[in-house]
PDB file of all heavy atoms in Angstrom:
ATOM      1  N   SER A   1      -9.027   0.328 -12.965  1.00  0.00           N
ATOM      2  CA  SER A   1      -7.900   1.032 -12.389  1.00  0.00           C
ATOM      3  C   SER A   1      -6.870  -0.028 -11.915  1.00  0.00           C
ATOM      4  O   SER A   1      -7.238  -0.952 -11.228  1.00  0.00           O
ATOM      5  CB  SER A   1      -8.315   1.881 -11.183  1.00  0.00           C
ATOM      6  OG  SER A   1      -9.005   1.082 -10.222  1.00  0.00           O
ATOM      7  N   PRO A   2      -5.556   0.176 -12.319  1.00  0.00           N
ATOM      8  CA  PRO A   2      -4.583  -0.866 -11.908  1.00  0.00           C
ATOM      9  C   PRO A   2      -4.250  -0.741 -10.422  1.00  0.00           C
ATOM     10  O   PRO A   2      -4.336   0.313  -9.816  1.00  0.00           O
ATOM     11  CB  PRO A   2      -3.376  -0.410 -12.786  1.00  0.00           C
ATOM     12  CG  PRO A   2      -3.506   1.032 -12.990  1.00  0.00           C
ATOM     13  CD  PRO A   2      -4.999   1.238 -13.102  1.00  0.00           C
ATOM     14  N   SER A   3      -3.924  -1.902  -9.895  1.00  0.00           N
ATOM     15  CA  SER A   3      -3.550  -1.889  -8.430  1.00  0.00           C
ATOM     16  C   SER A   3      -2.049  -1.428  -8.326  1.00  0.00           C
ATOM     17  O   SER A   3      -1.256  -1.613  -9.262  1.00  0.00           O
ATOM     18  CB  SER A   3      -3.591  -3.363  -7.928  1.00  0.00           C
ATOM     19  OG  SER A   3      -4.931  -3.785  -7.924  1.00  0.00           O
ATOM     20  N   PRO A   4      -1.743  -0.732  -7.254  1.00  0.00           N
ATOM     21  CA  PRO A   4      -0.374  -0.312  -7.133  1.00  0.00           C
ATOM     22  C   PRO A   4       0.621  -1.419  -7.006  1.00  0.00           C
ATOM     23  O   PRO A   4       0.292  -2.474  -6.540  1.00  0.00           O
ATOM     24  CB  PRO A   4      -0.411   0.483  -5.817  1.00  0.00           C
ATOM     25  CG  PRO A   4      -1.565  -0.050  -5.080  1.00  0.00           C
ATOM     26  CD  PRO A   4      -2.576  -0.451  -6.150  1.00  0.00           C
ATOM     27  N   ASP A   5       1.858  -1.193  -7.512  1.00  0.00           N
ATOM     28  CA  ASP A   5       2.839  -2.225  -7.475  1.00  0.00           C
ATOM     29  C   ASP A   5       3.488  -2.248  -6.035  1.00  0.00           C
ATOM     30  O   ASP A   5       4.225  -1.387  -5.652  1.00  0.00           O
ATOM     31  CB  ASP A   5       4.007  -1.842  -8.407  1.00  0.00           C
ATOM     32  CG  ASP A   5       5.078  -2.977  -8.483  1.00  0.00           C
ATOM     33  OD1 ASP A   5       4.749  -4.075  -8.035  1.00  0.00           O
ATOM     34  OD2 ASP A   5       6.155  -2.644  -9.069  1.00  0.00           O
ATOM     35  N   TYR A   6       2.988  -3.215  -5.277  1.00  0.00           N
ATOM     36  CA  TYR A   6       3.346  -3.291  -3.853  1.00  0.00           C
ATOM     37  C   TYR A   6       3.843  -4.620  -3.505  1.00  0.00           C
ATOM     38  O   TYR A   6       3.295  -5.655  -3.797  1.00  0.00           O
ATOM     39  CB  TYR A   6       2.025  -2.969  -2.966  1.00  0.00           C
ATOM     40  CG  TYR A   6       2.286  -3.308  -1.549  1.00  0.00           C
ATOM     41  CD1 TYR A   6       2.959  -2.362  -0.673  1.00  0.00           C
ATOM     42  CD2 TYR A   6       1.812  -4.487  -0.971  1.00  0.00           C
ATOM     43  CE1 TYR A   6       3.124  -2.663   0.620  1.00  0.00           C
ATOM     44  CE2 TYR A   6       2.040  -4.788   0.405  1.00  0.00           C
ATOM     45  CZ  TYR A   6       2.726  -3.875   1.140  1.00  0.00           C
ATOM     46  OH  TYR A   6       2.904  -4.141   2.468  1.00  0.00           O
ATOM     47  N   HIS A   7       5.003  -4.667  -2.778  1.00  0.00           N
ATOM     48  CA  HIS A   7       5.549  -5.875  -2.235  1.00  0.00           C
ATOM     49  C   HIS A   7       6.037  -5.508  -0.888  1.00  0.00           C
ATOM     50  O   HIS A   7       6.999  -4.727  -0.784  1.00  0.00           O
ATOM     51  CB  HIS A   7       6.697  -6.380  -3.140  1.00  0.00           C
ATOM     52  CG  HIS A   7       6.293  -6.662  -4.606  1.00  0.00           C
ATOM     53  ND1 HIS A   7       5.532  -7.716  -4.924  1.00  0.00           N
ATOM     54  CD2 HIS A   7       6.532  -5.959  -5.685  1.00  0.00           C
ATOM     55  CE1 HIS A   7       5.325  -7.612  -6.282  1.00  0.00           C
ATOM     56  NE2 HIS A   7       5.875  -6.570  -6.700  1.00  0.00           N
ATOM     57  N   PHE A   8       5.526  -6.105   0.171  1.00  0.00           N
ATOM     58  CA  PHE A   8       5.950  -5.830   1.518  1.00  0.00           C
ATOM     59  C   PHE A   8       7.365  -6.381   1.799  1.00  0.00           C
ATOM     60  O   PHE A   8       7.547  -7.552   1.525  1.00  0.00           O
ATOM     61  CB  PHE A   8       4.996  -6.301   2.578  1.00  0.00           C
ATOM     62  CG  PHE A   8       5.318  -5.743   3.925  1.00  0.00           C
ATOM     63  CD1 PHE A   8       4.839  -4.594   4.310  1.00  0.00           C
ATOM     64  CD2 PHE A   8       6.236  -6.399   4.757  1.00  0.00           C
ATOM     65  CE1 PHE A   8       5.240  -4.011   5.497  1.00  0.00           C
ATOM     66  CE2 PHE A   8       6.585  -5.929   5.960  1.00  0.00           C
ATOM     67  CZ  PHE A   8       6.142  -4.658   6.335  1.00  0.00           C
ATOM     68  N   ILE A   9       8.191  -5.531   2.266  1.00  0.00           N
ATOM     69  CA  ILE A   9       9.566  -5.961   2.611  1.00  0.00           C
ATOM     70  C   ILE A   9       9.916  -5.358   3.940  1.00  0.00           C
ATOM     71  O   ILE A   9       9.293  -4.412   4.384  1.00  0.00           O
ATOM     72  CB  ILE A   9      10.588  -5.580   1.527  1.00  0.00           C
ATOM     73  CG1 ILE A   9      10.612  -4.097   1.272  1.00  0.00           C
ATOM     74  CG2 ILE A   9      10.399  -6.354   0.270  1.00  0.00           C
ATOM     75  CD1 ILE A   9      11.599  -3.650   0.231  1.00  0.00           C
ATOM     76  N   ASP A  10      10.881  -5.908   4.576  1.00  0.00           N
ATOM     77  CA  ASP A  10      11.317  -5.411   5.919  1.00  0.00           C
ATOM     78  C   ASP A  10      11.876  -4.047   5.782  1.00  0.00           C
ATOM     79  O   ASP A  10      12.343  -3.611   4.758  1.00  0.00           O
ATOM     80  CB  ASP A  10      12.376  -6.361   6.476  1.00  0.00           C
ATOM     81  CG  ASP A  10      12.841  -5.954   7.810  1.00  0.00           C
ATOM     82  OD1 ASP A  10      11.961  -5.741   8.664  1.00  0.00           O
ATOM     83  OD2 ASP A  10      14.027  -5.877   8.011  1.00  0.00           O
ATOM     84  N   VAL A  11      11.767  -3.278   6.844  1.00  0.00           N
ATOM     85  CA  VAL A  11      12.168  -1.891   6.893  1.00  0.00           C
ATOM     86  C   VAL A  11      13.671  -1.727   6.570  1.00  0.00           C
ATOM     87  O   VAL A  11      14.122  -0.656   6.104  1.00  0.00           O
ATOM     88  CB  VAL A  11      11.885  -1.156   8.244  1.00  0.00           C
ATOM     89  CG1 VAL A  11      10.412  -1.048   8.457  1.00  0.00           C
ATOM     90  CG2 VAL A  11      12.488  -1.931   9.413  1.00  0.00           C
ATOM     91  N   GLN A  12      14.480  -2.715   6.708  1.00  0.00           N
ATOM     92  CA  GLN A  12      15.882  -2.687   6.496  1.00  0.00           C
ATOM     93  C   GLN A  12      16.292  -3.099   5.103  1.00  0.00           C
ATOM     94  O   GLN A  12      17.382  -3.065   4.664  1.00  0.00           O
ATOM     95  CB  GLN A  12      16.681  -3.521   7.502  1.00  0.00           C
ATOM     96  CG  GLN A  12      16.550  -3.023   8.935  1.00  0.00           C
ATOM     97  CD  GLN A  12      17.304  -3.920   9.906  1.00  0.00           C
ATOM     98  OE1 GLN A  12      17.137  -5.162   9.829  1.00  0.00           O
ATOM     99  NE2 GLN A  12      18.053  -3.353  10.769  1.00  0.00           N
ATOM    100  N   SER A  13      15.262  -3.573   4.322  1.00  0.00           N
ATOM    101  CA  SER A  13      15.551  -4.239   3.005  1.00  0.00           C
ATOM    102  C   SER A  13      15.378  -3.379   1.793  1.00  0.00           C
ATOM    103  O   SER A  13      15.537  -3.866   0.632  1.00  0.00           O
ATOM    104  CB  SER A  13      14.676  -5.446   2.878  1.00  0.00           C
ATOM    105  OG  SER A  13      14.934  -6.370   3.971  1.00  0.00           O
ATOM    106  N   HIS A  14      15.054  -2.071   1.957  1.00  0.00           N
ATOM    107  CA  HIS A  14      14.894  -1.196   0.800  1.00  0.00           C
ATOM    108  C   HIS A  14      16.226  -0.947   0.116  1.00  0.00           C
ATOM    109  O   HIS A  14      17.202  -0.683   0.713  1.00  0.00           O
ATOM    110  CB  HIS A  14      14.262   0.130   1.202  1.00  0.00           C
ATOM    111  CG  HIS A  14      12.870  -0.081   1.692  1.00  0.00           C
ATOM    112  ND1 HIS A  14      11.768  -0.248   0.875  1.00  0.00           N
ATOM    113  CD2 HIS A  14      12.321   0.010   2.923  1.00  0.00           C
ATOM    114  CE1 HIS A  14      10.690  -0.357   1.557  1.00  0.00           C
ATOM    115  NE2 HIS A  14      11.015  -0.200   2.816  1.00  0.00           N
ATOM    116  N   ARG A  15      16.220  -1.036  -1.221  1.00  0.00           N
ATOM    117  CA  ARG A  15      17.445  -0.789  -2.050  1.00  0.00           C
ATOM    118  C   ARG A  15      17.886   0.655  -2.006  1.00  0.00           C
ATOM    119  O   ARG A  15      19.113   0.956  -1.915  1.00  0.00           O
ATOM    120  CB  ARG A  15      17.234  -1.267  -3.449  1.00  0.00           C
ATOM    121  CG  ARG A  15      16.930  -2.743  -3.601  1.00  0.00           C
ATOM    122  CD  ARG A  15      16.963  -3.124  -5.096  1.00  0.00           C
ATOM    123  NE  ARG A  15      16.024  -2.235  -5.791  1.00  0.00           N
ATOM    124  CZ  ARG A  15      14.721  -2.547  -5.981  1.00  0.00           C
ATOM    125  NH1 ARG A  15      14.251  -3.609  -5.305  1.00  0.00           N
ATOM    126  NH2 ARG A  15      13.967  -1.779  -6.664  1.00  0.00           N
ATOM    127  N   ASN A  16      16.937   1.627  -2.023  1.00  0.00           N
ATOM    128  CA  ASN A  16      17.227   2.930  -2.037  1.00  0.00           C
ATOM    129  C   ASN A  16      16.037   3.732  -1.456  1.00  0.00           C
ATOM    130  O   ASN A  16      14.993   3.214  -1.241  1.00  0.00           O
ATOM    131  CB  ASN A  16      17.613   3.469  -3.418  1.00  0.00           C
ATOM    132  CG  ASN A  16      16.619   3.057  -4.462  1.00  0.00           C
ATOM    133  OD1 ASN A  16      15.416   3.387  -4.329  1.00  0.00           O
ATOM    134  ND2 ASN A  16      17.030   2.329  -5.436  1.00  0.00           N
ATOM    135  N   LEU A  17      16.216   5.037  -1.335  1.00  0.00           N
ATOM    136  CA  LEU A  17      15.136   5.904  -0.717  1.00  0.00           C
ATOM    137  C   LEU A  17      13.934   5.978  -1.688  1.00  0.00           C
ATOM    138  O   LEU A  17      12.833   6.135  -1.208  1.00  0.00           O
ATOM    139  CB  LEU A  17      15.649   7.263  -0.483  1.00  0.00           C
ATOM    140  CG  LEU A  17      16.689   7.325   0.716  1.00  0.00           C
ATOM    141  CD1 LEU A  17      17.165   8.773   0.892  1.00  0.00           C
ATOM    142  CD2 LEU A  17      16.156   6.788   1.980  1.00  0.00           C
ATOM    143  N   SER A  18      14.176   5.929  -2.967  1.00  0.00           N
ATOM    144  CA  SER A  18      13.066   5.978  -3.891  1.00  0.00           C
ATOM    145  C   SER A  18      12.136   4.818  -3.820  1.00  0.00           C
ATOM    146  O   SER A  18      10.956   4.934  -3.844  1.00  0.00           O
ATOM    147  CB  SER A  18      13.633   6.154  -5.368  1.00  0.00           C
ATOM    148  OG  SER A  18      12.606   6.190  -6.280  1.00  0.00           O
ATOM    149  N   SER A  19      12.697   3.595  -3.729  1.00  0.00           N
ATOM    150  CA  SER A  19      11.928   2.428  -3.666  1.00  0.00           C
ATOM    151  C   SER A  19      11.180   2.383  -2.304  1.00  0.00           C
ATOM    152  O   SER A  19      10.098   1.872  -2.189  1.00  0.00           O
ATOM    153  CB  SER A  19      12.785   1.174  -3.804  1.00  0.00           C
ATOM    154  OG  SER A  19      13.721   0.978  -2.657  1.00  0.00           O
ATOM    155  N   MET A  20      11.826   2.829  -1.225  1.00  0.00           N
ATOM    156  CA  MET A  20      11.232   3.005   0.069  1.00  0.00           C
ATOM    157  C   MET A  20       9.979   3.832  -0.032  1.00  0.00           C
ATOM    158  O   MET A  20       8.884   3.489   0.485  1.00  0.00           O
ATOM    159  CB  MET A  20      12.196   3.485   1.047  1.00  0.00           C
ATOM    160  CG  MET A  20      11.615   3.689   2.466  1.00  0.00           C
ATOM    161  SD  MET A  20      12.624   4.833   3.432  1.00  0.00           S
ATOM    162  CE  MET A  20      12.255   6.422   2.594  1.00  0.00           C
ATOM    163  N   ALA A  21      10.115   5.022  -0.638  1.00  0.00           N
ATOM    164  CA  ALA A  21       9.006   5.968  -0.653  1.00  0.00           C
ATOM    165  C   ALA A  21       7.838   5.399  -1.540  1.00  0.00           C
ATOM    166  O   ALA A  21       6.670   5.439  -1.143  1.00  0.00           O
ATOM    167  CB  ALA A  21       9.512   7.246  -1.351  1.00  0.00           C
ATOM    168  N   LYS A  22       8.189   4.738  -2.656  1.00  0.00           N
ATOM    169  CA  LYS A  22       7.158   4.123  -3.469  1.00  0.00           C
ATOM    170  C   LYS A  22       6.379   3.029  -2.731  1.00  0.00           C
ATOM    171  O   LYS A  22       5.181   2.875  -2.850  1.00  0.00           O
ATOM    172  CB  LYS A  22       7.732   3.578  -4.784  1.00  0.00           C
ATOM    173  CG  LYS A  22       8.238   4.692  -5.701  1.00  0.00           C
ATOM    174  CD  LYS A  22       8.796   4.071  -6.974  1.00  0.00           C
ATOM    175  CE  LYS A  22       9.322   5.150  -7.915  1.00  0.00           C
ATOM    176  NZ  LYS A  22       9.936   4.601  -9.095  1.00  0.00           N
ATOM    177  N   ASN A  23       7.131   2.226  -2.018  1.00  0.00           N
ATOM    178  CA  ASN A  23       6.541   1.136  -1.319  1.00  0.00           C
ATOM    179  C   ASN A  23       5.563   1.542  -0.197  1.00  0.00           C
ATOM    180  O   ASN A  23       4.504   1.048   0.060  1.00  0.00           O
ATOM    181  CB  ASN A  23       7.627   0.183  -0.738  1.00  0.00           C
ATOM    182  CG  ASN A  23       7.124  -1.188  -0.447  1.00  0.00           C
ATOM    183  OD1 ASN A  23       6.903  -1.574   0.769  1.00  0.00           O
ATOM    184  ND2 ASN A  23       6.939  -2.041  -1.467  1.00  0.00           N
ATOM    185  N   ILE A  24       6.055   2.613   0.519  1.00  0.00           N
ATOM    186  CA  ILE A  24       5.213   3.128   1.702  1.00  0.00           C
ATOM    187  C   ILE A  24       3.924   3.711   1.055  1.00  0.00           C
ATOM    188  O   ILE A  24       2.819   3.471   1.587  1.00  0.00           O
ATOM    189  CB  ILE A  24       6.046   4.137   2.480  1.00  0.00           C
ATOM    190  CG1 ILE A  24       7.088   3.424   3.286  1.00  0.00           C
ATOM    191  CG2 ILE A  24       5.070   4.929   3.440  1.00  0.00           C
ATOM    192  CD1 ILE A  24       8.013   4.292   4.029  1.00  0.00           C
ATOM    193  N   CYS A  25       4.054   4.468  -0.034  1.00  0.00           N
ATOM    194  CA  CYS A  25       2.878   5.092  -0.646  1.00  0.00           C
ATOM    195  C   CYS A  25       1.961   4.034  -1.149  1.00  0.00           C
ATOM    196  O   CYS A  25       0.721   4.135  -0.968  1.00  0.00           O
ATOM    197  CB  CYS A  25       3.338   6.075  -1.678  1.00  0.00           C
ATOM    198  SG  CYS A  25       4.073   7.564  -1.145  1.00  0.00           S
ATOM    199  N   ALA A  26       2.501   2.958  -1.782  1.00  0.00           N
ATOM    200  CA  ALA A  26       1.696   1.922  -2.365  1.00  0.00           C
ATOM    201  C   ALA A  26       0.929   1.156  -1.228  1.00  0.00           C
ATOM    202  O   ALA A  26      -0.235   0.833  -1.420  1.00  0.00           O
ATOM    203  CB  ALA A  26       2.556   0.973  -3.127  1.00  0.00           C
ATOM    204  N   SER A  27       1.610   0.922  -0.115  1.00  0.00           N
ATOM    205  CA  SER A  27       0.889   0.234   0.947  1.00  0.00           C
ATOM    206  C   SER A  27      -0.177   1.064   1.600  1.00  0.00           C
ATOM    207  O   SER A  27      -1.245   0.505   1.970  1.00  0.00           O
ATOM    208  CB  SER A  27       1.951  -0.190   2.058  1.00  0.00           C
ATOM    209  OG  SER A  27       2.426   0.982   2.727  1.00  0.00           O
ATOM    210  N   SER A  28      -0.043   2.429   1.632  1.00  0.00           N
ATOM    211  CA  SER A  28      -1.048   3.228   2.133  1.00  0.00           C
ATOM    212  C   SER A  28      -2.249   3.251   1.152  1.00  0.00           C
ATOM    213  O   SER A  28      -3.407   3.191   1.568  1.00  0.00           O
ATOM    214  CB  SER A  28      -0.535   4.679   2.294  1.00  0.00           C
ATOM    215  OG  SER A  28       0.437   4.775   3.303  1.00  0.00           O
ATOM    216  N   ILE A  29      -1.978   3.280  -0.129  1.00  0.00           N
ATOM    217  CA  ILE A  29      -3.038   3.226  -1.134  1.00  0.00           C
ATOM    218  C   ILE A  29      -3.826   1.901  -1.017  1.00  0.00           C
ATOM    219  O   ILE A  29      -5.043   1.923  -1.054  1.00  0.00           O
ATOM    220  CB  ILE A  29      -2.457   3.352  -2.599  1.00  0.00           C
ATOM    221  CG1 ILE A  29      -1.939   4.772  -2.756  1.00  0.00           C
ATOM    222  CG2 ILE A  29      -3.493   3.031  -3.625  1.00  0.00           C
ATOM    223  CD1 ILE A  29      -1.101   4.972  -4.027  1.00  0.00           C
ATOM    224  N   LEU A  30      -3.108   0.834  -0.842  1.00  0.00           N
ATOM    225  CA  LEU A  30      -3.792  -0.474  -0.675  1.00  0.00           C
ATOM    226  C   LEU A  30      -4.650  -0.515   0.606  1.00  0.00           C
ATOM    227  O   LEU A  30      -5.777  -1.098   0.568  1.00  0.00           O
ATOM    228  CB  LEU A  30      -2.751  -1.599  -0.621  1.00  0.00           C
ATOM    229  CG  LEU A  30      -2.306  -2.190  -1.973  1.00  0.00           C
ATOM    230  CD1 LEU A  30      -1.265  -3.273  -1.713  1.00  0.00           C
ATOM    231  CD2 LEU A  30      -3.449  -2.702  -2.785  1.00  0.00           C
ATOM    232  N   ALA A  31      -4.126   0.138   1.664  1.00  0.00           N
ATOM    233  CA  ALA A  31      -4.939   0.147   2.884  1.00  0.00           C
ATOM    234  C   ALA A  31      -6.191   0.865   2.667  1.00  0.00           C
ATOM    235  O   ALA A  31      -7.323   0.503   3.134  1.00  0.00           O
ATOM    236  CB  ALA A  31      -4.095   0.847   3.995  1.00  0.00           C
ATOM    237  N   ILE A  32      -6.192   2.001   1.911  1.00  0.00           N
ATOM    238  CA  ILE A  32      -7.380   2.799   1.631  1.00  0.00           C
ATOM    239  C   ILE A  32      -8.315   1.993   0.777  1.00  0.00           C
ATOM    240  O   ILE A  32      -9.542   1.976   1.013  1.00  0.00           O
ATOM    241  CB  ILE A  32      -7.005   4.110   1.024  1.00  0.00           C
ATOM    242  CG1 ILE A  32      -6.193   4.962   2.016  1.00  0.00           C
ATOM    243  CG2 ILE A  32      -8.247   4.866   0.538  1.00  0.00           C
ATOM    244  CD1 ILE A  32      -5.592   6.210   1.358  1.00  0.00           C
ATOM    245  N   GLU A  33      -7.796   1.385  -0.275  1.00  0.00           N
ATOM    246  CA  GLU A  33      -8.654   0.604  -1.173  1.00  0.00           C
ATOM    247  C   GLU A  33      -9.296  -0.616  -0.498  1.00  0.00           C
ATOM    248  O   GLU A  33     -10.502  -0.852  -0.696  1.00  0.00           O
ATOM    249  CB  GLU A  33      -7.827   0.143  -2.408  1.00  0.00           C
ATOM    250  CG  GLU A  33      -7.398   1.313  -3.280  1.00  0.00           C
ATOM    251  CD  GLU A  33      -6.622   0.809  -4.560  1.00  0.00           C
ATOM    252  OE1 GLU A  33      -6.071  -0.325  -4.478  1.00  0.00           O
ATOM    253  OE2 GLU A  33      -6.511   1.589  -5.508  1.00  0.00           O
ATOM    254  N   ASP A  34      -8.581  -1.291   0.341  1.00  0.00           N
ATOM    255  CA  ASP A  34      -9.098  -2.462   1.062  1.00  0.00           C
ATOM    256  C   ASP A  34     -10.134  -2.050   2.005  1.00  0.00           C
ATOM    257  O   ASP A  34     -11.186  -2.675   2.243  1.00  0.00           O
ATOM    258  CB  ASP A  34      -8.019  -3.229   1.749  1.00  0.00           C
ATOM    259  CG  ASP A  34      -7.113  -4.013   0.771  1.00  0.00           C
ATOM    260  OD1 ASP A  34      -7.453  -4.092  -0.367  1.00  0.00           O
ATOM    261  OD2 ASP A  34      -6.092  -4.600   1.283  1.00  0.00           O
ATOM    262  N   THR A  35      -9.918  -0.863   2.685  1.00  0.00           N
ATOM    263  CA  THR A  35     -10.906  -0.403   3.667  1.00  0.00           C
ATOM    264  C   THR A  35     -12.228  -0.075   2.950  1.00  0.00           C
ATOM    265  O   THR A  35     -13.306  -0.329   3.448  1.00  0.00           O
ATOM    266  CB  THR A  35     -10.296   0.828   4.481  1.00  0.00           C
ATOM    267  OG1 THR A  35      -9.143   0.372   5.159  1.00  0.00           O
ATOM    268  CG2 THR A  35     -11.348   1.401   5.376  1.00  0.00           C
ATOM    269  N   LEU A  36     -12.103   0.535   1.805  1.00  0.00           N
ATOM    270  CA  LEU A  36     -13.241   0.892   0.962  1.00  0.00           C
ATOM    271  C   LEU A  36     -14.016  -0.407   0.585  1.00  0.00           C
ATOM    272  O   LEU A  36     -15.216  -0.498   0.568  1.00  0.00           O
ATOM    273  CB  LEU A  36     -12.898   1.728  -0.228  1.00  0.00           C
ATOM    274  CG  LEU A  36     -14.073   2.157  -1.138  1.00  0.00           C
ATOM    275  CD1 LEU A  36     -15.102   2.917  -0.358  1.00  0.00           C
ATOM    276  CD2 LEU A  36     -13.517   2.968  -2.321  1.00  0.00           C
ATOM    277  N   THR A  37     -13.258  -1.434   0.189  1.00  0.00           N
ATOM    278  CA  THR A  37     -13.831  -2.675  -0.140  1.00  0.00           C
ATOM    279  C   THR A  37     -14.700  -3.243   0.980  1.00  0.00           C
ATOM    280  O   THR A  37     -15.720  -3.872   0.762  1.00  0.00           O
ATOM    281  CB  THR A  37     -12.740  -3.699  -0.555  1.00  0.00           C
ATOM    282  OG1 THR A  37     -12.048  -3.222  -1.698  1.00  0.00           O
ATOM    283  CG2 THR A  37     -13.285  -5.078  -0.905  1.00  0.00           C
ATOM    284  N   LEU A  38     -14.241  -3.099   2.154  1.00  0.00           N
ATOM    285  CA  LEU A  38     -14.935  -3.646   3.373  1.00  0.00           C
ATOM    286  C   LEU A  38     -16.051  -2.739   3.857  1.00  0.00           C
ATOM    287  O   LEU A  38     -16.768  -3.152   4.780  1.00  0.00           O
ATOM    288  CB  LEU A  38     -13.916  -3.756   4.492  1.00  0.00           C
ATOM    289  CG  LEU A  38     -12.816  -4.768   4.270  1.00  0.00           C
ATOM    290  CD1 LEU A  38     -11.755  -4.641   5.366  1.00  0.00           C
ATOM    291  CD2 LEU A  38     -13.329  -6.224   4.295  1.00  0.00           C
ATOM    292  N   PHE A  39     -16.242  -1.652   3.184  1.00  0.00           N
ATOM    293  CA  PHE A  39     -17.212  -0.591   3.668  1.00  0.00           C
ATOM    294  C   PHE A  39     -18.660  -1.272   3.915  1.00  0.00           C
ATOM    295  O   PHE A  39     -19.149  -1.831   2.965  1.00  0.00           O
ATOM    296  CB  PHE A  39     -17.291   0.565   2.739  1.00  0.00           C
ATOM    297  CG  PHE A  39     -18.330   1.626   3.106  1.00  0.00           C
ATOM    298  CD1 PHE A  39     -18.074   2.328   4.258  1.00  0.00           C
ATOM    299  CD2 PHE A  39     -19.472   1.754   2.388  1.00  0.00           C
ATOM    300  CE1 PHE A  39     -19.074   3.325   4.671  1.00  0.00           C
ATOM    301  CE2 PHE A  39     -20.440   2.714   2.775  1.00  0.00           C
ATOM    302  CZ  PHE A  39     -20.193   3.504   3.862  1.00  0.00           C
ATOM    303  N   ASP A  40     -19.147  -1.009   5.033  1.00  0.00           N
ATOM    304  CA  ASP A  40     -20.511  -1.536   5.363  1.00  0.00           C
ATOM    305  C   ASP A  40     -21.417  -0.355   5.717  1.00  0.00           C
ATOM    306  O   ASP A  40     -21.307   0.231   6.793  1.00  0.00           O
ATOM    307  CB  ASP A  40     -20.404  -2.485   6.625  1.00  0.00           C
ATOM    308  CG  ASP A  40     -21.754  -3.095   6.918  1.00  0.00           C
ATOM    309  OD1 ASP A  40     -22.812  -2.594   6.639  1.00  0.00           O
ATOM    310  OD2 ASP A  40     -21.662  -4.296   7.559  1.00  0.00           O
ATOM    311  N   GLU A  41     -22.347   0.014   4.835  1.00  0.00           N
ATOM    312  CA  GLU A  41     -23.116   1.218   4.966  1.00  0.00           C
ATOM    313  C   GLU A  41     -24.091   1.088   6.124  1.00  0.00           C
ATOM    314  O   GLU A  41     -24.253   2.072   6.877  1.00  0.00           O
ATOM    315  CB  GLU A  41     -23.924   1.383   3.673  1.00  0.00           C
ATOM    316  CG  GLU A  41     -24.756   2.720   3.742  1.00  0.00           C
ATOM    317  CD  GLU A  41     -25.409   3.023   2.353  1.00  0.00           C
ATOM    318  OE1 GLU A  41     -24.966   2.409   1.352  1.00  0.00           O
ATOM    319  OE2 GLU A  41     -26.302   3.874   2.284  1.00  0.00           O
ATOM    320  N   LYS A  42     -24.642  -0.095   6.373  1.00  0.00           N
ATOM    321  CA  LYS A  42     -25.524  -0.275   7.497  1.00  0.00           C
ATOM    322  C   LYS A  42     -24.823  -0.078   8.830  1.00  0.00           C
ATOM    323  O   LYS A  42     -25.340   0.572   9.752  1.00  0.00           O
ATOM    324  CB  LYS A  42     -26.152  -1.703   7.412  1.00  0.00           C
ATOM    325  CG  LYS A  42     -27.194  -1.963   8.512  1.00  0.00           C
ATOM    326  CD  LYS A  42     -27.784  -3.345   8.380  1.00  0.00           C
ATOM    327  CE  LYS A  42     -28.801  -3.559   9.498  1.00  0.00           C
ATOM    328  NZ  LYS A  42     -29.401  -4.948   9.456  1.00  0.00           N
ATOM    329  N   ALA A  43     -23.589  -0.611   8.940  1.00  0.00           N
ATOM    330  CA  ALA A  43     -22.846  -0.470  10.192  1.00  0.00           C
ATOM    331  C   ALA A  43     -22.486   0.980  10.411  1.00  0.00           C
ATOM    332  O   ALA A  43     -22.569   1.476  11.550  1.00  0.00           O
ATOM    333  CB  ALA A  43     -21.548  -1.344  10.066  1.00  0.00           C
TER     334      ALA A  43
END
């Protein structure tokens, strides 16, 4: 599965609303994937 196209930029630096929406969604996807990567069943 390909990783989402994500590049963190400042809240004032989005070119348009579409790029802003894509970036926010991609960062949320990465947060979920990274959290799953760290999953510790014993803990």
